[in-house]
Amino acid sequence: MTEADPHIHVERKVLQAGAAFRNVIVSSLGLVPDTPRVVTTGCGLQVPYVMTSSRPESVTCLACREHAHREHLGFAEQVERLSRMPGAPINGDQAAKVAQWARDLAKRFSG
């Protein structure tokens, strides 16, 4: 990142970013993961973690917004596909809710 880059980005692993994901790790493992100082973004840059956000309204980098949009749509499709498999840990109704959440978030990134 250059000092002239004023944009707010998303992490490349957008679905594994933010407080919600960190809270899952903490509640599952009882460990608090370290916050990285520098992360790779959806647009391919390496920027300080503080220059990223998981909130669509805060992200100003267009390439990162497009990346997050695609990632959330792909996640929605994956959840639906996996829920139809025998022995799936979630049922169709649960999968539909999660997929709708991901599509709603994808829409916010595209807007």
Protein backbone atom coordinates (compact mmCIF):
# COMPACT_ATOMS: atom_id res chain seq x y z
CA MET A 1 0.00 0.00 0.00
CA THR A 2 1.16 3.48 -0.73
CA GLU A 3 0.53 6.38 1.56
CA ALA A 4 -1.68 7.86 -1.18
CA ASP A 5 -4.18 4.95 -1.12
CA PRO A 6 -7.19 6.37 0.70
CA HIS A 7 -9.46 3.38 0.07
CA ILE A 8 -11.04 1.00 2.52
CA HIS A 9 -10.71 -2.59 1.29
CA VAL A 10 -12.03 -6.06 2.13
CA GLU A 11 -9.84 -8.99 3.05
CA ARG A 12 -9.34 -11.55 0.29
CA LYS A 13 -10.93 -14.20 2.55
CA VAL A 14 -13.96 -11.97 3.04
CA LEU A 15 -16.09 -14.70 4.60
CA GLN A 16 -13.45 -15.30 7.25
CA ALA A 17 -13.05 -11.63 8.14
CA GLY A 18 -14.60 -9.51 10.81
CA ALA A 19 -15.79 -9.85 14.35
CA ALA A 20 -18.47 -12.48 13.68
CA PHE A 21 -15.94 -15.00 12.35
CA ARG A 22 -13.49 -14.23 15.16
CA ASN A 23 -16.30 -14.79 17.69
CA VAL A 24 -17.00 -18.24 16.20
CA ILE A 25 -13.33 -19.16 16.64
CA VAL A 26 -13.34 -17.91 20.22
CA SER A 27 -16.55 -19.74 21.15
CA SER A 28 -15.47 -22.94 19.39
CA LEU A 29 -11.87 -23.18 20.50
CA GLY A 30 -11.65 -20.86 23.46
CA LEU A 31 -8.73 -19.11 21.77
CA VAL A 32 -8.54 -15.53 20.59
CA PRO A 33 -6.76 -15.31 17.23
CA ASP A 34 -4.28 -12.50 16.76
CA THR A 35 -5.37 -9.69 14.51
CA PRO A 36 -2.95 -9.45 11.59
CA ARG A 37 -1.13 -6.18 10.98
CA VAL A 38 -1.20 -6.51 7.18
CA VAL A 39 -3.71 -8.45 5.05
CA THR A 40 -4.13 -9.27 1.39
CA THR A 41 -7.25 -7.67 -0.03
CA GLY A 42 -9.84 -8.66 -2.60
CA CYS A 43 -8.10 -6.41 -5.13
CA GLY A 44 -4.74 -8.06 -4.47
CA LEU A 45 -3.04 -5.30 -2.49
CA GLN A 46 -1.47 -5.79 0.88
CA VAL A 47 -2.74 -3.14 3.27
CA PRO A 48 -2.81 -2.56 7.01
CA TYR A 49 -5.68 -4.45 8.65
CA VAL A 50 -7.12 -1.15 9.88
CA MET A 51 -7.70 -0.17 6.24
CA THR A 52 -10.22 -3.01 5.77
CA SER A 53 -13.86 -3.47 6.65
CA SER A 54 -16.44 -6.23 6.39
CA ARG A 55 -19.25 -3.64 6.22
CA PRO A 56 -20.24 -2.96 2.60
CA GLU A 57 -21.05 0.67 3.34
CA SER A 58 -17.48 1.29 4.49
CA VAL A 59 -15.63 -0.33 1.57
CA THR A 60 -14.54 2.27 -1.00
CA CYS A 61 -12.33 0.11 -3.26
CA LEU A 62 -14.45 -0.89 -6.26
CA ALA A 63 -12.41 -4.02 -7.02
CA CYS A 64 -12.77 -5.17 -3.41
CA ARG A 65 -16.52 -4.54 -3.49
CA GLU A 66 -16.78 -6.68 -6.64
CA HIS A 67 -14.67 -9.41 -5.02
CA ALA A 68 -16.87 -9.46 -1.90
CA HIS A 69 -20.00 -9.55 -4.08
CA ARG A 70 -18.74 -12.64 -5.94
CA GLU A 71 -17.57 -14.36 -2.74
CA HIS A 72 -20.93 -13.96 -1.01
CA LEU A 73 -22.87 -15.17 -4.05
CA GLY A 74 -20.58 -18.21 -4.30
CA PHE A 75 -21.08 -18.93 -0.60
CA ALA A 76 -24.87 -18.79 -1.01
CA GLU A 77 -24.72 -21.32 -3.84
CA GLN A 78 -22.37 -23.58 -1.89
CA VAL A 79 -24.63 -23.60 1.19
CA GLU A 80 -27.66 -24.51 -0.90
CA ARG A 81 -25.78 -27.24 -2.74
CA LEU A 82 -24.36 -28.75 0.45
CA SER A 83 -27.75 -28.70 2.20
CA ARG A 84 -29.14 -31.05 -0.46
CA MET A 85 -26.53 -33.70 0.22
CA PRO A 86 -27.46 -36.74 2.31
CA GLY A 87 -26.48 -36.24 5.95
CA ALA A 88 -26.13 -32.47 5.61
CA PRO A 89 -25.77 -30.73 8.98
CA ILE A 90 -28.41 -28.13 8.05
CA ASN A 91 -31.82 -28.56 6.51
CA GLY A 92 -33.25 -26.81 3.48
CA ASP A 93 -34.98 -24.07 5.47
CA GLN A 94 -31.82 -23.22 7.40
CA ALA A 95 -29.78 -23.22 4.21
CA ALA A 96 -32.30 -20.95 2.52
CA LYS A 97 -31.99 -18.42 5.34
CA VAL A 98 -28.19 -18.46 5.24
CA ALA A 99 -28.17 -18.23 1.44
CA GLN A 100 -30.58 -15.28 1.55
CA TRP A 101 -28.37 -13.55 4.12
CA ALA A 102 -25.34 -14.02 1.85
CA ARG A 103 -27.21 -12.78 -1.22
CA ASP A 104 -28.47 -9.73 0.68
CA LEU A 105 -24.92 -8.93 1.73
CA ALA A 106 -23.68 -9.48 -1.84
CA LYS A 107 -26.29 -7.02 -3.04
CA ARG A 108 -25.10 -4.42 -0.51
CA PHE A 109 -21.56 -4.81 -1.89
CA SER A 110 -22.77 -4.32 -5.47
CA GLY A 111 -24.81 -1.21 -4.69
